[in-house]
Structures are given as C-alpha cells and as structure tokens.
Amino acid sequence: MAKGLGNNPLAGDELIRSTEPMPARGQAQKAPSLATSGAVAKSIQIDSLLNERLRKYSFDNRRKEVQVIRDALHKYLAEMGY
C-alpha cells in the first residue's frame, strides 16, 4: 500500500485551497479577531521563579495563567486608584 497524498480522500481541490487575496498597498487590512472583542495583545517577560509560581498556582486552581494575570492586574490597578 502506497503512502502519501495519493491515499488521502481529501486530495485534490480540498487539500490545497486558495486563500483570500492580499490587500493592495495602502488598503486597510482586516482587524485581528482580538481587536473585535476589545482585547489588546500584550507581551511581557517574567523571571523563571515568578513563572513557576504562576504555573503552579494556575494548575492547582484550575485557572488559565492569563486569567490569573488579568485578575491580579485589575486588583493592583484598583488599589492604586485606577
């Protein structure tokens, strides 16, 4: 029995589909899905000890790390008067 795409029932039109054309230069691009929900992507760096504490807390409490960070930041900013 041969291996490869030849055995794939989706081979042909369904395996490789055309994508939406790229917008011409100067045209607005579609906003990312995060922007439509009001969320803004942020990137932070934390030390390995803080990362391990966050990971363990999140696992033990069955919560996503990002939600723990959001809740902590909301609490901190409220305490600072923001």
PDB file of N, CA and C in Angstrom:
ATOM      1  N   MET A   1       0.849  -1.186   0.000  1.00  0.00           N
ATOM      2  CA  MET A   1       0.000   0.000   0.000  1.00  0.00           C
ATOM      3  C   MET A   1       0.886   1.238   0.000  1.00  0.00           C
ATOM      4  N   ALA A   2       0.647   2.136  -0.904  1.00  0.00           N
ATOM      5  CA  ALA A   2       1.461   3.336  -1.042  1.00  0.00           C
ATOM      6  C   ALA A   2       1.101   4.351   0.029  1.00  0.00           C
ATOM      7  N   LYS A   3       2.101   5.092   0.431  1.00  0.00           N
ATOM      8  CA  LYS A   3       1.879   6.151   1.413  1.00  0.00           C
ATOM      9  C   LYS A   3       1.918   7.496   0.709  1.00  0.00           C
ATOM     10  N   GLY A   4       1.344   8.484   1.339  1.00  0.00           N
ATOM     11  CA  GLY A   4       1.418   9.829   0.788  1.00  0.00           C
ATOM     12  C   GLY A   4       0.051  10.400   0.496  1.00  0.00           C
ATOM     13  N   LEU A   5       0.041  11.477  -0.231  1.00  0.00           N
ATOM     14  CA  LEU A   5      -1.206  12.185  -0.522  1.00  0.00           C
ATOM     15  C   LEU A   5      -2.138  11.396  -1.423  1.00  0.00           C
ATOM     16  N   GLY A   6      -1.606  10.429  -2.147  1.00  0.00           N
ATOM     17  CA  GLY A   6      -2.437   9.651  -3.047  1.00  0.00           C
ATOM     18  C   GLY A   6      -3.547   8.897  -2.346  1.00  0.00           C
ATOM     19  N   ASN A   7      -3.371   8.558  -1.079  1.00  0.00           N
ATOM     20  CA  ASN A   7      -4.382   7.821  -0.336  1.00  0.00           C
ATOM     21  C   ASN A   7      -5.360   8.737   0.399  1.00  0.00           C
ATOM     22  N   ASN A   8      -5.118  10.011   0.375  1.00  0.00           N
ATOM     23  CA  ASN A   8      -5.943  10.962   1.103  1.00  0.00           C
ATOM     24  C   ASN A   8      -7.237  11.219   0.337  1.00  0.00           C
ATOM     25  N   PRO A   9      -8.404  10.940   0.958  1.00  0.00           N
ATOM     26  CA  PRO A   9      -9.664  11.195   0.248  1.00  0.00           C
ATOM     27  C   PRO A   9      -9.917  12.675   0.003  1.00  0.00           C
ATOM     28  N   LEU A  10      -9.184  13.539   0.714  1.00  0.00           N
ATOM     29  CA  LEU A  10      -9.363  14.977   0.517  1.00  0.00           C
ATOM     30  C   LEU A  10      -8.394  15.540  -0.511  1.00  0.00           C
ATOM     31  N   ALA A  11      -7.582  14.679  -1.096  1.00  0.00           N
ATOM     32  CA  ALA A  11      -6.596  15.151  -2.058  1.00  0.00           C
ATOM     33  C   ALA A  11      -7.299  15.842  -3.219  1.00  0.00           C
ATOM     34  N   GLY A  12      -6.607  16.761  -3.780  1.00  0.00           N
ATOM     35  CA  GLY A  12      -7.185  17.499  -4.907  1.00  0.00           C
ATOM     36  C   GLY A  12      -7.630  18.864  -4.448  1.00  0.00           C
ATOM     37  N   ASP A  13      -8.857  19.205  -4.781  1.00  0.00           N
ATOM     38  CA  ASP A  13      -9.370  20.543  -4.508  1.00  0.00           C
ATOM     39  C   ASP A  13      -9.442  20.852  -3.012  1.00  0.00           C
ATOM     40  N   GLU A  14      -9.731  19.883  -2.178  1.00  0.00           N
ATOM     41  CA  GLU A  14      -9.931  20.132  -0.756  1.00  0.00           C
ATOM     42  C   GLU A  14      -8.620  20.211   0.032  1.00  0.00           C
ATOM     43  N   LEU A  15      -7.557  19.588  -0.480  1.00  0.00           N
ATOM     44  CA  LEU A  15      -6.309  19.574   0.266  1.00  0.00           C
ATOM     45  C   LEU A  15      -5.626  20.932   0.238  1.00  0.00           C
ATOM     46  N   ILE A  16      -5.611  21.551  -0.911  1.00  0.00           N
ATOM     47  CA  ILE A  16      -4.980  22.861  -1.047  1.00  0.00           C
ATOM     48  C   ILE A  16      -6.041  23.820  -1.543  1.00  0.00           C
ATOM     49  N   ARG A  17      -6.360  24.779  -0.706  1.00  0.00           N
ATOM     50  CA  ARG A  17      -7.396  25.747  -1.057  1.00  0.00           C
ATOM     51  C   ARG A  17      -6.754  27.106  -1.293  1.00  0.00           C
ATOM     52  N   SER A  18      -7.366  27.884  -2.133  1.00  0.00           N
ATOM     53  CA  SER A  18      -6.861  29.237  -2.351  1.00  0.00           C
ATOM     54  C   SER A  18      -7.234  30.101  -1.152  1.00  0.00           C
ATOM     55  N   THR A  19      -6.402  31.076  -0.876  1.00  0.00           N
ATOM     56  CA  THR A  19      -6.646  31.977   0.234  1.00  0.00           C
ATOM     57  C   THR A  19      -7.179  33.294  -0.292  1.00  0.00           C
ATOM     58  N   GLU A  20      -7.601  34.147   0.625  1.00  0.00           N
ATOM     59  CA  GLU A  20      -8.075  35.462   0.218  1.00  0.00           C
ATOM     60  C   GLU A  20      -6.904  36.248  -0.342  1.00  0.00           C
ATOM     61  N   PRO A  21      -7.148  37.047  -1.368  1.00  0.00           N
ATOM     62  CA  PRO A  21      -6.043  37.838  -1.923  1.00  0.00           C
ATOM     63  C   PRO A  21      -5.552  38.871  -0.919  1.00  0.00           C
ATOM     64  N   MET A  22      -4.279  39.175  -0.998  1.00  0.00           N
ATOM     65  CA  MET A  22      -3.683  40.191  -0.127  1.00  0.00           C
ATOM     66  C   MET A  22      -4.211  41.560  -0.561  1.00  0.00           C
ATOM     67  N   PRO A  23      -4.491  42.452   0.399  1.00  0.00           N
ATOM     68  CA  PRO A  23      -4.943  43.789   0.010  1.00  0.00           C
ATOM     69  C   PRO A  23      -3.810  44.555  -0.667  1.00  0.00           C
ATOM     70  N   ALA A  24      -4.180  45.411  -1.599  1.00  0.00           N
ATOM     71  CA  ALA A  24      -3.180  46.225  -2.277  1.00  0.00           C
ATOM     72  C   ALA A  24      -2.543  47.177  -1.278  1.00  0.00           C
ATOM     73  N   ARG A  25      -1.351  47.617  -1.581  1.00  0.00           N
ATOM     74  CA  ARG A  25      -0.673  48.554  -0.678  1.00  0.00           C
ATOM     75  C   ARG A  25      -1.538  49.783  -0.461  1.00  0.00           C
ATOM     76  N   GLY A  26      -1.599  50.211   0.786  1.00  0.00           N
ATOM     77  CA  GLY A  26      -2.386  51.380   1.125  1.00  0.00           C
ATOM     78  C   GLY A  26      -3.812  51.053   1.522  1.00  0.00           C
ATOM     79  N   GLN A  27      -4.283  49.838   1.214  1.00  0.00           N
ATOM     80  CA  GLN A  27      -5.631  49.448   1.620  1.00  0.00           C
ATOM     81  C   GLN A  27      -5.597  48.917   3.043  1.00  0.00           C
ATOM     82  N   ALA A  28      -6.668  49.157   3.768  1.00  0.00           N
ATOM     83  CA  ALA A  28      -6.763  48.674   5.144  1.00  0.00           C
ATOM     84  C   ALA A  28      -6.894  47.160   5.153  1.00  0.00           C
ATOM     85  N   GLN A  29      -6.218  46.536   6.111  1.00  0.00           N
ATOM     86  CA  GLN A  29      -6.321  45.096   6.273  1.00  0.00           C
ATOM     87  C   GLN A  29      -7.386  44.796   7.308  1.00  0.00           C
ATOM     88  N   LYS A  30      -7.862  43.541   7.317  1.00  0.00           N
ATOM     89  CA  LYS A  30      -8.836  43.121   8.320  1.00  0.00           C
ATOM     90  C   LYS A  30      -8.214  43.191   9.699  1.00  0.00           C
ATOM     91  N   ALA A  31      -8.986  43.647  10.659  1.00  0.00           N
ATOM     92  CA  ALA A  31      -8.506  43.698  12.038  1.00  0.00           C
ATOM     93  C   ALA A  31      -8.416  42.286  12.592  1.00  0.00           C
ATOM     94  N   PRO A  32      -7.431  42.023  13.454  1.00  0.00           N
ATOM     95  CA  PRO A  32      -7.350  40.694  14.064  1.00  0.00           C
ATOM     96  C   PRO A  32      -8.546  40.425  14.959  1.00  0.00           C
ATOM     97  N   SER A  33      -8.822  39.168  15.212  1.00  0.00           N
ATOM     98  CA  SER A  33     -10.005  38.794  15.982  1.00  0.00           C
ATOM     99  C   SER A  33      -9.957  39.347  17.406  1.00  0.00           C
ATOM    100  N   LEU A  34      -8.762  39.516  17.983  1.00  0.00           N
ATOM    101  CA  LEU A  34      -8.676  40.081  19.327  1.00  0.00           C
ATOM    102  C   LEU A  34      -9.221  41.504  19.361  1.00  0.00           C
ATOM    103  N   ALA A  35      -8.984  42.256  18.304  1.00  0.00           N
ATOM    104  CA  ALA A  35      -9.438  43.646  18.280  1.00  0.00           C
ATOM    105  C   ALA A  35     -10.963  43.731  18.266  1.00  0.00           C
ATOM    106  N   THR A  36     -11.618  42.778  17.643  1.00  0.00           N
ATOM    107  CA  THR A  36     -13.073  42.828  17.585  1.00  0.00           C
ATOM    108  C   THR A  36     -13.699  42.535  18.943  1.00  0.00           C
ATOM    109  N   SER A  37     -12.970  41.839  19.820  1.00  0.00           N
ATOM    110  CA  SER A  37     -13.513  41.539  21.141  1.00  0.00           C
ATOM    111  C   SER A  37     -13.123  42.595  22.169  1.00  0.00           C
ATOM    112  N   GLY A  38     -12.372  43.593  21.755  1.00  0.00           N
ATOM    113  CA  GLY A  38     -11.933  44.627  22.678  1.00  0.00           C
ATOM    114  C   GLY A  38     -10.652  44.268  23.395  1.00  0.00           C
ATOM    115  N   ALA A  39     -10.100  43.104  23.145  1.00  0.00           N
ATOM    116  CA  ALA A  39      -8.855  42.686  23.790  1.00  0.00           C
ATOM    117  C   ALA A  39      -7.671  43.240  23.016  1.00  0.00           C
ATOM    118  N   VAL A  40      -6.610  43.519  23.734  1.00  0.00           N
ATOM    119  CA  VAL A  40      -5.368  44.006  23.138  1.00  0.00           C
ATOM    120  C   VAL A  40      -4.256  43.051  23.551  1.00  0.00           C
ATOM    121  N   ALA A  41      -3.499  42.575  22.594  1.00  0.00           N
ATOM    122  CA  ALA A  41      -2.406  41.652  22.892  1.00  0.00           C
ATOM    123  C   ALA A  41      -1.243  42.411  23.530  1.00  0.00           C
ATOM    124  N   LYS A  42      -0.699  41.850  24.593  1.00  0.00           N
ATOM    125  CA  LYS A  42       0.476  42.402  25.277  1.00  0.00           C
ATOM    126  C   LYS A  42       1.488  41.289  25.435  1.00  0.00           C
ATOM    127  N   SER A  43       2.732  41.651  25.441  1.00  0.00           N
ATOM    128  CA  SER A  43       3.792  40.672  25.642  1.00  0.00           C
ATOM    129  C   SER A  43       4.619  41.125  26.834  1.00  0.00           C
ATOM    130  N   ILE A  44       4.814  40.221  27.801  1.00  0.00           N
ATOM    131  CA  ILE A  44       5.606  40.557  28.970  1.00  0.00           C
ATOM    132  C   ILE A  44       6.656  39.484  29.187  1.00  0.00           C
ATOM    133  N   GLN A  45       7.683  39.838  29.921  1.00  0.00           N
ATOM    134  CA  GLN A  45       8.697  38.868  30.309  1.00  0.00           C
ATOM    135  C   GLN A  45       8.743  38.835  31.823  1.00  0.00           C
ATOM    136  N   ILE A  46       8.753  37.626  32.383  1.00  0.00           N
ATOM    137  CA  ILE A  46       8.828  37.462  33.830  1.00  0.00           C
ATOM    138  C   ILE A  46       9.979  36.516  34.142  1.00  0.00           C
ATOM    139  N   ASP A  47      10.507  36.618  35.350  1.00  0.00           N
ATOM    140  CA  ASP A  47      11.618  35.736  35.702  1.00  0.00           C
ATOM    141  C   ASP A  47      11.123  34.318  35.915  1.00  0.00           C
ATOM    142  N   SER A  48      12.036  33.379  35.908  1.00  0.00           N
ATOM    143  CA  SER A  48      11.660  31.966  35.955  1.00  0.00           C
ATOM    144  C   SER A  48      10.982  31.586  37.269  1.00  0.00           C
ATOM    145  N   LEU A  49      11.362  32.202  38.389  1.00  0.00           N
ATOM    146  CA  LEU A  49      10.723  31.893  39.664  1.00  0.00           C
ATOM    147  C   LEU A  49       9.257  32.339  39.653  1.00  0.00           C
ATOM    148  N   LEU A  50       9.001  33.549  39.168  1.00  0.00           N
ATOM    149  CA  LEU A  50       7.625  34.031  39.078  1.00  0.00           C
ATOM    150  C   LEU A  50       6.823  33.172  38.103  1.00  0.00           C
ATOM    151  N   ASN A  51       7.433  32.782  37.015  1.00  0.00           N
ATOM    152  CA  ASN A  51       6.759  31.917  36.053  1.00  0.00           C
ATOM    153  C   ASN A  51       6.358  30.589  36.690  1.00  0.00           C
ATOM    154  N   GLU A  52       7.255  29.996  37.461  1.00  0.00           N
ATOM    155  CA  GLU A  52       6.957  28.716  38.102  1.00  0.00           C
ATOM    156  C   GLU A  52       5.844  28.874  39.133  1.00  0.00           C
ATOM    157  N   ARG A  53       5.859  29.959  39.899  1.00  0.00           N
ATOM    158  CA  ARG A  53       4.803  30.202  40.883  1.00  0.00           C
ATOM    159  C   ARG A  53       3.456  30.374  40.190  1.00  0.00           C
ATOM    160  N   LEU A  54       3.444  31.144  39.094  1.00  0.00           N
ATOM    161  CA  LEU A  54       2.215  31.351  38.320  1.00  0.00           C
ATOM    162  C   LEU A  54       1.710  30.035  37.751  1.00  0.00           C
ATOM    163  N   ARG A  55       2.608  29.245  37.178  1.00  0.00           N
ATOM    164  CA  ARG A  55       2.239  27.964  36.593  1.00  0.00           C
ATOM    165  C   ARG A  55       1.618  27.042  37.635  1.00  0.00           C
ATOM    166  N   LYS A  56       2.261  26.944  38.803  1.00  0.00           N
ATOM    167  CA  LYS A  56       1.770  26.057  39.856  1.00  0.00           C
ATOM    168  C   LYS A  56       0.426  26.544  40.399  1.00  0.00           C
ATOM    169  N   TYR A  57       0.321  27.852  40.676  1.00  0.00           N
ATOM    170  CA  TYR A  57      -0.940  28.395  41.173  1.00  0.00           C
ATOM    171  C   TYR A  57      -2.070  28.125  40.180  1.00  0.00           C
ATOM    172  N   SER A  58      -1.820  28.390  38.911  1.00  0.00           N
ATOM    173  CA  SER A  58      -2.842  28.202  37.881  1.00  0.00           C
ATOM    174  C   SER A  58      -3.261  26.750  37.787  1.00  0.00           C
ATOM    175  N   PHE A  59      -2.288  25.853  37.825  1.00  0.00           N
ATOM    176  CA  PHE A  59      -2.595  24.424  37.751  1.00  0.00           C
ATOM    177  C   PHE A  59      -3.396  23.977  38.965  1.00  0.00           C
ATOM    178  N   ASP A  60      -2.931  24.344  40.164  1.00  0.00           N
ATOM    179  CA  ASP A  60      -3.605  23.928  41.391  1.00  0.00           C
ATOM    180  C   ASP A  60      -5.036  24.438  41.486  1.00  0.00           C
ATOM    181  N   ASN A  61      -5.278  25.627  40.931  1.00  0.00           N
ATOM    182  CA  ASN A  61      -6.606  26.238  40.997  1.00  0.00           C
ATOM    183  C   ASN A  61      -7.405  26.075  39.705  1.00  0.00           C
ATOM    184  N   ARG A  62      -6.868  25.301  38.795  1.00  0.00           N
ATOM    185  CA  ARG A  62      -7.523  25.026  37.513  1.00  0.00           C
ATOM    186  C   ARG A  62      -7.982  26.311  36.817  1.00  0.00           C
ATOM    187  N   ARG A  63      -7.036  27.253  36.726  1.00  0.00           N
ATOM    188  CA  ARG A  63      -7.314  28.527  36.061  1.00  0.00           C
ATOM    189  C   ARG A  63      -6.251  28.764  35.001  1.00  0.00           C
ATOM    190  N   LYS A  64      -6.598  29.481  33.988  1.00  0.00           N
ATOM    191  CA  LYS A  64      -5.634  29.824  32.952  1.00  0.00           C
ATOM    192  C   LYS A  64      -4.692  30.892  33.491  1.00  0.00           C
ATOM    193  N   GLU A  65      -3.430  30.771  33.119  1.00  0.00           N
ATOM    194  CA  GLU A  65      -2.435  31.739  33.576  1.00  0.00           C
ATOM    195  C   GLU A  65      -2.820  33.158  33.182  1.00  0.00           C
ATOM    196  N   VAL A  66      -3.312  33.341  31.972  1.00  0.00           N
ATOM    197  CA  VAL A  66      -3.669  34.681  31.510  1.00  0.00           C
ATOM    198  C   VAL A  66      -4.781  35.282  32.367  1.00  0.00           C
ATOM    199  N   GLN A  67      -5.716  34.463  32.829  1.00  0.00           N
ATOM    200  CA  GLN A  67      -6.794  34.993  33.666  1.00  0.00           C
ATOM    201  C   GLN A  67      -6.277  35.375  35.046  1.00  0.00           C
ATOM    202  N   VAL A  68      -5.339  34.613  35.577  1.00  0.00           N
ATOM    203  CA  VAL A  68      -4.721  34.957  36.860  1.00  0.00           C
ATOM    204  C   VAL A  68      -4.006  36.302  36.730  1.00  0.00           C
ATOM    205  N   ILE A  69      -3.275  36.484  35.636  1.00  0.00           N
ATOM    206  CA  ILE A  69      -2.559  37.745  35.407  1.00  0.00           C
ATOM    207  C   ILE A  69      -3.541  38.902  35.277  1.00  0.00           C
ATOM    208  N   ARG A  70      -4.618  38.708  34.505  1.00  0.00           N
ATOM    209  CA  ARG A  70      -5.623  39.774  34.347  1.00  0.00           C
ATOM    210  C   ARG A  70      -6.240  40.158  35.685  1.00  0.00           C
ATOM    211  N   ASP A  71      -6.634  39.152  36.476  1.00  0.00           N
ATOM    212  CA  ASP A  71      -7.260  39.426  37.774  1.00  0.00           C
ATOM    213  C   ASP A  71      -6.305  40.167  38.704  1.00  0.00           C
ATOM    214  N   ALA A  72      -5.049  39.735  38.733  1.00  0.00           N
ATOM    215  CA  ALA A  72      -4.063  40.387  39.592  1.00  0.00           C
ATOM    216  C   ALA A  72      -3.825  41.826  39.156  1.00  0.00           C
ATOM    217  N   LEU A  73      -3.780  42.067  37.855  1.00  0.00           N
ATOM    218  CA  LEU A  73      -3.564  43.422  37.351  1.00  0.00           C
ATOM    219  C   LEU A  73      -4.762  44.314  37.640  1.00  0.00           C
ATOM    220  N   HIS A  74      -5.985  43.776  37.492  1.00  0.00           N
ATOM    221  CA  HIS A  74      -7.192  44.543  37.841  1.00  0.00           C
ATOM    222  C   HIS A  74      -7.151  44.939  39.322  1.00  0.00           C
ATOM    223  N   LYS A  75      -6.823  43.992  40.184  1.00  0.00           N
ATOM    224  CA  LYS A  75      -6.778  44.263  41.618  1.00  0.00           C
ATOM    225  C   LYS A  75      -5.713  45.309  41.947  1.00  0.00           C
ATOM    226  N   TYR A  76      -4.524  45.146  41.371  1.00  0.00           N
ATOM    227  CA  TYR A  76      -3.433  46.085  41.628  1.00  0.00           C
ATOM    228  C   TYR A  76      -3.804  47.497  41.184  1.00  0.00           C
ATOM    229  N   LEU A  77      -4.341  47.637  39.980  1.00  0.00           N
ATOM    230  CA  LEU A  77      -4.690  48.960  39.478  1.00  0.00           C
ATOM    231  C   LEU A  77      -5.826  49.589  40.287  1.00  0.00           C
ATOM    232  N   ALA A  78      -6.770  48.787  40.752  1.00  0.00           N
ATOM    233  CA  ALA A  78      -7.843  49.319  41.603  1.00  0.00           C
ATOM    234  C   ALA A  78      -7.264  49.841  42.918  1.00  0.00           C
ATOM    235  N   GLU A  79      -6.320  49.091  43.485  1.00  0.00           N
ATOM    236  CA  GLU A  79      -5.687  49.529  44.738  1.00  0.00           C
ATOM    237  C   GLU A  79      -4.888  50.816  44.535  1.00  0.00           C
ATOM    238  N   MET A  80      -4.366  51.033  43.338  1.00  0.00           N
ATOM    239  CA  MET A  80      -3.602  52.247  43.011  1.00  0.00           C
ATOM    240  C   MET A  80      -4.511  53.404  42.620  1.00  0.00           C
ATOM    241  N   GLY A  81      -5.823  53.136  42.569  1.00  0.00           N
ATOM    242  CA  GLY A  81      -6.772  54.199  42.247  1.00  0.00           C
ATOM    243  C   GLY A  81      -7.060  54.353  40.764  1.00  0.00           C
ATOM    244  N   TYR A  82      -6.763  53.342  39.978  1.00  0.00           N
ATOM    245  CA  TYR A  82      -7.016  53.408  38.540  1.00  0.00           C
ATOM    246  C   TYR A  82      -8.090  52.448  38.124  1.00  0.00           C
TER     247      TYR A  82
END
